[in-house]
Amino acid sequence: MERAQFDLNNPAHLLARQFRDARDMTLTVVKDFEGESAFFRPTQSNNPAIWIVGHMLLYTGDEFRKILKLGKRKLRFELGKHLATGGGYDPNNDYPPFSAMVDVLEEEKDELVEAISKTTVEELKSHSPENLREWFPTICDLISATIAHEYMHCGQLLFLRRSVGKPPLFG
């Protein structure tokens, strides 16, 4: 959705706009990673860009898409369980090509923004799935957490981007 199409009196539109802005920032940051820079880790306890992007895709995967009443996405690659929350980079795991994962981040953006924007106030107030309810009691909480999650990992990507010698994006 274009900026002008968002009704700022509609909470779902506000969430959709925030998600779109977060995903746009992520896409701006990841365009500078290529080849070995996608695997760069300043320390053994840092996750590289390739793990972070795969994790972000897993997070906005089938469960989130089901909540937003979207069908399962058809990926050209597998996202392993090693990308789940609490996991971390392991050089022995197979990772899909970085560029293919970035393509999916971009391809799914408009669909997710549109689905979030169509969420009714009643749906936003409704309970999230039982397995997520302790952390995210409502659908609104879950969508808000997804936006925060995107920005959190975007911050990590910004740090990695500067660590591989890229200039500041702003300034």
Foldseek 3Di string as FASTA:
>chain_A
DDPVPQDPVAVLSVLLVLLLVLLVLLLVLVVLDDDCLQCDDPDPPDAGNQLLLLLLCVLCADLVCVLLVHHGDDAPDDRDPQSYPPHGDDPVDDTDHSVSSSVVSVVCSVVVSVSSSPQHPVQQAQARPPVCCVPQGGNVSSSVVSSVSSNVSSVVSQVSSVVVPDDDPDD
